[in-house]
Amino acid sequence: MEITEAKVALRDSPDKKLKAYATVTFDNCFVVRNIKVIEGANGLFIAMPSRKVKQPCPKCNFKNELRSKYCNQCAGILPQSSTLPERVEDGSGVQLEHKDIAHPITQAFRGYLQKIILEAYEQEKSKVLV
């Protein structure tokens, strides 16, 4: 699989960790949008597009954000997320609030994707400085 295009849209908040959003096209036929470029403690990295994990209300079945105390539809009290049957956890047992929509499966491809996106980010950043 080849990355045929990588576009980066810079965010103009210098004090924030989010530096840009990227859109990547694969083999001129598949697009992934909203890949984030983030400034971390060890430098720049990418975060794949994700969605917030929802929990259903036991009373009305409305999907509420994880860790909500009350239902946004019926105002019923929601169970604590630790008692929910479908917990989303990382490998260490910590409950996650977001779940990736799309992500690389291998570390090698993730490295390749990150390299291409960060190169496009640096190019876009240098255009702004000129």
Protein backbone atom coordinates (compact mmCIF):
# COMPACT_ATOMS: atom_id res chain seq x y z
CA MET A 1 0.00 0.00 0.00
CA GLU A 2 1.36 3.38 -0.99
CA ILE A 3 0.55 6.81 0.40
CA THR A 4 -0.17 8.86 -2.71
CA GLU A 5 -1.02 12.16 -0.99
CA ALA A 6 -0.67 13.72 2.44
CA LYS A 7 -2.25 17.12 3.15
CA VAL A 8 -1.76 18.98 6.41
CA ALA A 9 -3.86 21.82 7.84
CA LEU A 10 -1.99 23.71 10.56
CA ARG A 11 -3.68 24.87 13.74
CA ASP A 12 -2.67 28.38 14.78
CA SER A 13 -2.56 27.96 18.54
CA PRO A 14 1.15 27.86 19.50
CA ASP A 15 0.52 27.03 23.18
CA LYS A 16 -1.65 23.97 22.45
CA LYS A 17 -0.45 20.41 21.91
CA LEU A 18 -2.55 19.89 18.76
CA LYS A 19 -0.42 21.24 15.91
CA ALA A 20 -2.31 20.12 12.77
CA TYR A 21 -4.82 17.80 11.13
CA ALA A 22 -3.76 15.56 8.25
CA THR A 23 -5.64 13.91 5.40
CA VAL A 24 -3.92 10.93 3.79
CA THR A 25 -4.80 9.23 0.49
CA PHE A 26 -3.80 5.59 -0.08
CA ASP A 27 -3.27 4.21 -3.62
CA ASN A 28 -5.33 7.10 -5.07
CA CYS A 29 -8.50 5.32 -3.89
CA PHE A 30 -8.92 5.53 -0.09
CA VAL A 31 -8.82 8.59 2.20
CA VAL A 32 -8.40 8.90 5.97
CA ARG A 33 -9.17 12.34 7.43
CA ASN A 34 -8.62 13.93 10.85
CA ILE A 35 -5.28 12.35 11.71
CA LYS A 36 -3.91 14.64 14.43
CA VAL A 37 -0.33 15.89 14.67
CA ILE A 38 0.40 16.35 18.39
CA GLU A 39 3.36 17.78 20.29
CA GLY A 40 4.20 15.30 23.04
CA ALA A 41 6.89 15.13 25.71
CA ASN A 42 9.21 13.31 23.26
CA GLY A 43 8.40 15.39 20.16
CA LEU A 44 5.75 15.22 17.43
CA PHE A 45 3.59 12.15 16.86
CA ILE A 46 0.34 11.28 15.09
CA ALA A 47 -2.98 10.24 16.62
CA MET A 48 -5.47 8.40 14.47
CA PRO A 49 -9.09 9.56 14.09
CA SER A 50 -11.25 8.39 16.99
CA ARG A 51 -14.70 8.65 18.50
CA LYS A 52 -15.84 8.93 22.08
CA VAL A 53 -17.00 5.69 23.66
CA LYS A 54 -20.71 5.79 24.56
CA GLN A 55 -22.72 3.90 27.16
CA PRO A 56 -26.46 3.16 26.84
CA CYS A 57 -28.93 4.33 29.47
CA PRO A 58 -30.52 1.27 31.13
CA LYS A 59 -33.87 3.11 31.27
CA CYS A 60 -34.28 4.62 27.75
CA ASN A 61 -31.27 3.13 25.87
CA PHE A 62 -29.99 6.60 24.81
CA LYS A 63 -26.23 6.60 24.10
CA ASN A 64 -24.41 8.89 26.56
CA GLU A 65 -20.73 9.75 26.82
CA LEU A 66 -18.71 7.43 29.00
CA ARG A 67 -18.45 8.50 32.65
CA SER A 68 -21.65 10.59 32.46
CA LYS A 69 -23.61 10.49 35.71
CA TYR A 70 -27.05 11.21 34.24
CA CYS A 71 -28.76 10.37 30.95
CA ASN A 72 -29.05 13.30 28.53
CA GLN A 73 -32.41 11.98 27.32
CA CYS A 74 -34.38 10.90 30.41
CA ALA A 75 -32.18 12.29 33.24
CA GLY A 76 -31.96 8.82 34.81
CA ILE A 77 -28.91 7.90 36.86
CA LEU A 78 -26.34 5.97 34.81
CA PRO A 79 -24.37 3.01 36.21
CA GLN A 80 -20.69 3.52 36.98
CA SER A 81 -18.60 2.65 33.93
CA SER A 82 -16.65 -0.01 35.86
CA THR A 83 -19.84 -2.09 36.08
CA LEU A 84 -20.59 -1.96 32.34
CA PRO A 85 -20.24 -5.28 30.51
CA GLU A 86 -18.51 -3.81 27.42
CA ARG A 87 -15.52 -1.92 28.77
CA VAL A 88 -12.97 -0.55 26.34
CA GLU A 89 -9.52 -0.90 27.86
CA ASP A 90 -5.95 -0.49 26.77
CA GLY A 91 -3.54 -3.37 27.42
CA SER A 92 -2.93 -2.31 31.03
CA GLY A 93 -6.58 -2.41 32.12
CA VAL A 94 -7.12 1.37 32.02
CA GLN A 95 -10.52 2.31 30.64
CA LEU A 96 -10.37 4.42 27.49
CA GLU A 97 -12.68 7.33 26.60
CA HIS A 98 -11.88 7.23 22.87
CA LYS A 99 -11.68 4.38 20.38
CA ASP A 100 -9.78 4.58 17.06
CA ILE A 101 -11.91 4.57 13.92
CA ALA A 102 -8.99 3.54 11.70
CA HIS A 103 -5.44 2.65 12.62
CA PRO A 104 -2.33 0.89 11.27
CA ILE A 105 -2.01 -2.74 12.27
CA THR A 106 1.78 -3.07 12.11
CA GLN A 107 4.40 -0.92 13.82
CA ALA A 108 6.33 -0.69 10.53
CA PHE A 109 3.36 0.82 8.67
CA ARG A 110 2.63 3.17 11.57
CA GLY A 111 6.23 4.41 11.38
CA TYR A 112 5.92 4.90 7.60
CA LEU A 113 2.62 6.77 7.99
CA GLN A 114 4.00 8.97 10.76
CA LYS A 115 7.14 9.76 8.72
CA ILE A 116 5.10 10.88 5.68
CA ILE A 117 2.67 12.97 7.75
CA LEU A 118 5.41 14.67 9.80
CA GLU A 119 7.35 15.47 6.60
CA ALA A 120 4.19 17.06 5.13
CA TYR A 121 3.71 18.95 8.41
CA GLU A 122 7.25 20.37 8.28
CA GLN A 123 6.77 21.39 4.63
CA GLU A 124 3.49 23.15 5.42
CA LYS A 125 5.04 24.84 8.45
CA SER A 126 7.96 26.13 6.37
CA LYS A 127 5.53 27.65 3.82
CA VAL A 128 3.90 29.69 6.60
CA LEU A 129 7.24 30.96 7.92
CA VAL A 130 8.35 32.24 4.48
